[in-house]
Amino acid sequence: MDFLQLAGRSVLVTGVANRKSVAWHTARVLTEAGADVIYSVRSETRRDAVRKLVGEAPVLVCDVEHQDQIDRLRDELKALRPGGIHGLVHSIAFADYSAGWLPFHETPRKAFLQAIDISCYSLVALSNALRDQIDREHGSVVTISISTTRMAAENYGYMAPVKAALDSSLCFLAKSFSQFSKIRFNAVCPGLLKTSASAGIPGYVDSFLFAEKATLRKQAVQTEEVANAVAFLLSPRSSGINSQGLVIDAGMGTNYFDRDLVGGS
């Protein structure tokens, strides 16, 4: 039974890096549901690696820091799927922590602006470039945010404000696209995950272990759970959800004062 009604729907999935990626898990769920998945990655090197994972599925190259590459992606996608696509998964984020673990007020300007460009503005740029290719009646765009941008974790630093900008941008995209379409914009907002991207955050392992203890079930959120939520938001079954962030944190946000955590501090 095709409960999610995703069979035959074409979805562009951006940001696959390896088997640990949210984008990769999402693509697997979509493929298992019968969707037609097209991939977009940052570089030729990444394309070579991803092709080993996806077989015959199309893998396009687009570095979202460059508008000409976004335009090329638009044109290549139109040639591949002249009938258009039904969904876009925006799973792109980058932060340059090469300066080390700095207090927020010492955030390097260049690093902050690059993170905004890649992690946030790319959603605006891709959505605008593909606006005529996404199904205007049933299209869905889903981005990957975080469970909260109000928890000032020192090691996550400036990426929380960047994700806050992403959350706000999807609301404005939903509003502006509503002038000419019914395309929906939503975010899946997971708690801490085991991904290659997160491994680059200073002190992440300690934060992950603490977050796991803070969940109600005492088990961290699994990447597959995030992928399932993305698939649901891409599905017509979620047609009434727009301009929202779906938090997937296993109850962590309600459990900061768990007696075991407090007693162990």
Protein backbone atom coordinates (compact mmCIF):
# COMPACT_ATOMS: atom_id res chain seq x y z
CA MET A 1 0.00 0.00 0.00
CA ASP A 2 1.38 3.40 -1.01
CA PHE A 3 0.28 5.21 2.13
CA LEU A 4 2.61 8.21 1.61
CA GLN A 5 1.63 8.49 -2.06
CA LEU A 6 5.24 9.06 -3.05
CA ALA A 7 5.46 6.43 -5.79
CA GLY A 8 6.46 8.01 -9.08
CA ARG A 9 7.04 11.45 -7.57
CA SER A 10 10.35 13.06 -8.54
CA VAL A 11 12.39 14.56 -5.70
CA LEU A 12 15.71 16.39 -5.83
CA VAL A 13 17.83 15.51 -2.78
CA THR A 14 20.79 17.75 -2.04
CA GLY A 15 23.66 17.26 0.35
CA VAL A 16 24.49 13.55 0.33
CA ALA A 17 28.02 13.12 1.64
CA ASN A 18 28.12 9.49 2.75
CA ARG A 19 26.00 6.74 4.32
CA LYS A 20 25.66 8.71 7.57
CA SER A 21 24.09 11.76 5.91
CA VAL A 22 20.52 12.78 6.64
CA ALA A 23 20.20 13.27 2.88
CA TRP A 24 21.30 9.70 2.18
CA HIS A 25 18.88 8.19 4.70
CA THR A 26 16.12 10.37 3.25
CA ALA A 27 16.91 9.26 -0.29
CA ARG A 28 16.75 5.61 0.82
CA VAL A 29 13.32 6.09 2.41
CA LEU A 30 12.06 7.87 -0.71
CA THR A 31 13.43 5.19 -3.02
CA GLU A 32 11.83 2.44 -0.92
CA ALA A 33 8.53 4.34 -1.21
CA GLY A 34 8.82 4.29 -5.00
CA ALA A 35 9.91 7.88 -5.53
CA ASP A 36 12.19 8.97 -8.35
CA VAL A 37 15.25 10.47 -6.62
CA ILE A 38 17.69 12.83 -8.30
CA TYR A 39 20.81 13.80 -6.37
CA SER A 40 22.78 17.03 -6.21
CA VAL A 41 26.23 17.15 -4.61
CA ARG A 42 28.86 19.83 -4.13
CA SER A 43 31.76 18.60 -6.29
CA GLU A 44 32.88 16.14 -8.92
CA THR A 45 34.80 14.24 -6.26
CA ARG A 46 31.66 13.93 -4.16
CA ARG A 47 29.71 12.80 -7.23
CA ASP A 48 32.16 9.96 -7.82
CA ALA A 49 31.68 8.80 -4.21
CA VAL A 50 27.90 9.13 -4.24
CA ARG A 51 27.54 7.26 -7.53
CA LYS A 52 28.90 4.19 -5.75
CA LEU A 53 25.92 4.44 -3.40
CA VAL A 54 23.09 5.28 -5.79
CA GLY A 55 23.73 3.15 -8.85
CA GLU A 56 22.01 4.48 -11.96
CA ALA A 57 20.23 7.43 -10.32
CA PRO A 58 21.20 10.85 -11.71
CA VAL A 59 23.83 12.74 -9.71
CA LEU A 60 24.25 16.41 -10.55
CA VAL A 61 26.96 18.76 -9.31
CA CYS A 62 26.17 22.14 -7.76
CA ASP A 63 28.26 24.19 -5.36
CA VAL A 64 25.59 26.50 -3.93
CA GLU A 65 28.11 29.26 -3.26
CA HIS A 66 28.06 29.95 -7.00
CA GLN A 67 24.91 31.20 -8.72
CA ASP A 68 26.08 30.02 -12.12
CA GLN A 69 26.17 26.46 -10.80
CA ILE A 70 22.67 26.83 -9.36
CA ASP A 71 21.51 28.01 -12.77
CA ARG A 72 23.24 25.05 -14.40
CA LEU A 73 21.54 22.69 -11.97
CA ARG A 74 18.19 24.21 -12.93
CA ASP A 75 18.86 23.65 -16.62
CA GLU A 76 20.22 20.11 -16.19
CA LEU A 77 17.28 19.14 -14.00
CA LYS A 78 14.84 20.50 -16.59
CA ALA A 79 16.52 18.40 -19.26
CA LEU A 80 16.40 15.30 -17.06
CA ARG A 81 12.82 15.79 -15.87
CA PRO A 82 11.03 18.03 -18.40
CA GLY A 83 7.75 17.35 -16.61
CA GLY A 84 9.12 18.93 -13.46
CA ILE A 85 9.68 17.63 -9.93
CA HIS A 86 7.45 17.27 -6.90
CA GLY A 87 9.88 17.90 -4.09
CA LEU A 88 13.19 19.38 -2.96
CA VAL A 89 15.21 18.23 0.05
CA HIS A 90 17.60 20.94 1.23
CA SER A 91 20.17 19.21 3.43
CA ILE A 92 23.08 21.60 3.05
CA ALA A 93 25.08 23.15 5.88
CA PHE A 94 28.65 24.25 6.43
CA ALA A 95 30.58 25.94 9.21
CA ASP A 96 34.29 26.71 9.22
CA TYR A 97 35.56 25.89 12.71
CA SER A 98 39.21 26.08 11.68
CA ALA A 99 39.73 29.08 13.98
CA GLY A 100 39.01 26.79 16.93
CA TRP A 101 36.48 26.91 19.72
CA LEU A 102 35.82 30.64 20.11
CA PRO A 103 33.25 32.49 22.22
CA PHE A 104 30.38 33.70 20.06
CA HIS A 105 31.39 37.37 20.19
CA GLU A 106 34.71 36.44 18.52
CA THR A 107 33.06 34.70 15.56
CA PRO A 108 35.08 35.52 12.41
CA ARG A 109 33.03 37.62 9.99
CA LYS A 110 34.11 35.57 6.97
CA ALA A 111 33.13 32.26 8.60
CA PHE A 112 29.73 33.59 9.70
CA LEU A 113 28.84 35.01 6.30
CA GLN A 114 29.99 31.87 4.49
CA ALA A 115 27.84 29.74 6.81
CA ILE A 116 24.83 31.98 6.13
CA ASP A 117 25.44 31.75 2.39
CA ILE A 118 25.80 27.97 2.24
CA SER A 119 23.46 26.89 5.04
CA CYS A 120 20.66 29.42 4.68
CA TYR A 121 20.70 31.51 1.52
CA SER A 122 21.14 28.38 -0.59
CA LEU A 123 17.56 27.42 0.31
CA VAL A 124 16.33 30.74 -1.07
CA ALA A 125 18.52 30.53 -4.17
CA LEU A 126 17.59 26.92 -5.01
CA SER A 127 13.89 27.50 -4.40
CA ASN A 128 13.90 30.55 -6.63
CA ALA A 129 15.84 28.80 -9.39
CA LEU A 130 13.51 25.80 -9.36
CA ARG A 131 10.23 27.65 -8.82
CA ASP A 132 8.96 26.84 -12.30
CA GLN A 133 9.93 23.16 -12.05
CA ILE A 134 8.37 22.28 -8.71
CA ASP A 135 4.75 21.10 -8.95
CA ARG A 136 2.71 24.18 -8.07
CA GLU A 137 -0.27 22.23 -6.80
CA HIS A 138 1.38 19.53 -4.72
CA GLY A 139 5.05 20.52 -4.43
CA SER A 140 6.95 20.35 -1.15
CA VAL A 141 10.30 21.75 -0.04
CA VAL A 142 11.89 20.41 3.15
CA THR A 143 15.03 21.71 4.81
CA ILE A 144 17.01 20.32 7.75
CA SER A 145 17.27 22.59 10.77
CA ILE A 146 17.95 21.82 14.47
CA SER A 147 15.65 21.12 17.41
CA THR A 148 16.23 24.51 19.03
CA THR A 149 18.13 27.67 18.15
CA ARG A 150 17.53 29.12 21.63
CA MET A 151 19.92 26.83 23.51
CA ALA A 152 23.28 28.64 23.48
CA ALA A 153 25.68 25.71 23.28
CA GLU A 154 29.20 27.16 23.19
CA ASN A 155 30.62 24.54 20.87
CA TYR A 156 27.83 24.94 18.29
CA GLY A 157 28.47 28.66 18.27
CA TYR A 158 27.36 30.73 15.33
CA MET A 159 25.57 27.88 13.55
CA ALA A 160 22.55 28.27 15.84
CA PRO A 161 21.90 31.85 14.63
CA VAL A 162 22.46 30.60 11.08
CA LYS A 163 19.83 27.89 11.57
CA ALA A 164 17.51 30.49 13.10
CA ALA A 165 17.87 32.47 9.88
CA LEU A 166 17.07 29.29 7.94
CA ASP A 167 13.91 28.73 10.02
CA SER A 168 12.75 32.28 9.37
CA SER A 169 13.60 32.10 5.68
CA LEU A 170 11.39 29.06 5.09
CA CYS A 171 8.44 30.99 6.55
CA PHE A 172 9.06 33.89 4.18
CA LEU A 173 9.50 31.49 1.26
CA ALA A 174 6.19 29.82 2.09
CA LYS A 175 4.52 33.21 2.12
CA SER A 176 6.05 34.54 -1.08
CA PHE A 177 5.49 31.29 -3.02
CA SER A 178 1.85 31.30 -1.90
CA GLN A 179 1.28 34.24 -4.25
CA PHE A 180 1.52 31.90 -7.26
CA SER A 181 1.49 28.32 -5.99
CA LYS A 182 0.56 25.84 -3.26
CA ILE A 183 4.17 24.73 -2.80
CA ARG A 184 4.83 24.05 0.88
CA PHE A 185 7.99 24.86 2.85
CA ASN A 186 8.79 23.05 6.07
CA ALA A 187 11.76 22.03 8.20
CA VAL A 188 12.62 18.89 10.08
CA CYS A 189 14.41 19.90 13.27
CA PRO A 190 16.34 17.00 14.81
CA GLY A 191 18.18 16.72 18.08
CA LEU A 192 21.81 15.66 18.07
CA LEU A 193 22.68 13.02 15.45
CA LYS A 194 25.64 10.83 14.59
CA THR A 195 26.66 12.27 11.22
CA SER A 196 29.99 13.09 9.62
CA ALA A 197 29.09 16.78 9.59
CA SER A 198 28.43 16.84 13.32
CA ALA A 199 31.74 15.09 13.98
CA GLY A 200 33.48 18.30 12.91
CA ILE A 201 31.91 20.33 15.73
CA PRO A 202 34.34 20.80 18.66
CA GLY A 203 33.33 18.74 21.70
CA TYR A 204 30.37 17.20 19.89
CA VAL A 205 30.72 13.70 21.33
CA ASP A 206 30.27 14.95 24.90
CA SER A 207 27.25 16.98 23.84
CA PHE A 208 25.77 14.00 22.03
CA LEU A 209 26.15 11.72 25.06
CA PHE A 210 24.52 14.30 27.31
CA ALA A 211 21.67 14.86 24.85
CA GLU A 212 21.05 11.12 24.72
CA LYS A 213 20.62 11.05 28.50
CA ALA A 214 18.22 14.01 28.26
CA THR A 215 15.81 12.24 25.92
CA LEU A 216 12.76 10.69 27.52
CA ARG A 217 13.67 7.25 26.15
CA LYS A 218 17.40 7.58 26.99
CA GLN A 219 18.26 6.87 23.37
CA ALA A 220 19.47 9.42 20.85
CA VAL A 221 17.46 10.35 17.80
CA GLN A 222 18.31 8.10 14.87
CA THR A 223 19.02 9.53 11.44
CA GLU A 224 16.44 7.17 9.97
CA GLU A 225 13.78 8.79 12.18
CA VAL A 226 14.66 12.17 10.72
CA ALA A 227 14.49 10.75 7.19
CA ASN A 228 11.04 9.32 7.88
CA ALA A 229 9.82 12.75 8.95
CA VAL A 230 11.25 14.36 5.81
CA ALA A 231 9.47 11.79 3.64
CA PHE A 232 6.20 12.54 5.42
CA LEU A 233 6.55 16.28 4.81
CA LEU A 234 7.27 15.60 1.13
CA SER A 235 4.15 13.46 0.95
CA PRO A 236 0.65 14.64 0.03
CA ARG A 237 -0.34 13.12 3.38
CA SER A 238 1.12 16.23 5.04
CA SER A 239 -0.75 18.66 2.76
CA GLY A 240 -2.03 20.77 5.66
CA ILE A 241 1.43 21.46 7.06
CA ASN A 242 3.18 24.57 5.77
CA SER A 243 5.73 27.02 7.16
CA GLN A 244 6.46 24.76 10.14
CA GLY A 245 9.38 23.13 11.91
CA LEU A 246 8.81 19.52 12.95
CA VAL A 247 10.96 18.80 16.01
CA ILE A 248 12.40 15.27 16.22
CA ASP A 249 14.23 15.15 19.56
CA ALA A 250 12.76 12.15 21.41
CA GLY A 251 11.36 14.50 24.04
CA MET A 252 14.67 16.11 24.99
CA GLY A 253 13.17 19.60 24.90
CA THR A 254 10.83 18.74 27.76
CA ASN A 255 13.36 16.87 29.87
CA TYR A 256 16.20 19.25 30.73
CA PHE A 257 15.42 18.88 34.44
CA ASP A 258 15.32 15.08 34.48
CA ARG A 259 16.08 14.02 38.05
CA ASP A 260 18.89 11.71 36.97
CA LEU A 261 20.55 14.53 35.05
CA VAL A 262 20.15 17.02 37.87
CA GLY A 263 21.26 14.52 40.46
CA GLY A 264 24.31 13.64 38.47
CA SER A 265 25.46 17.23 37.97
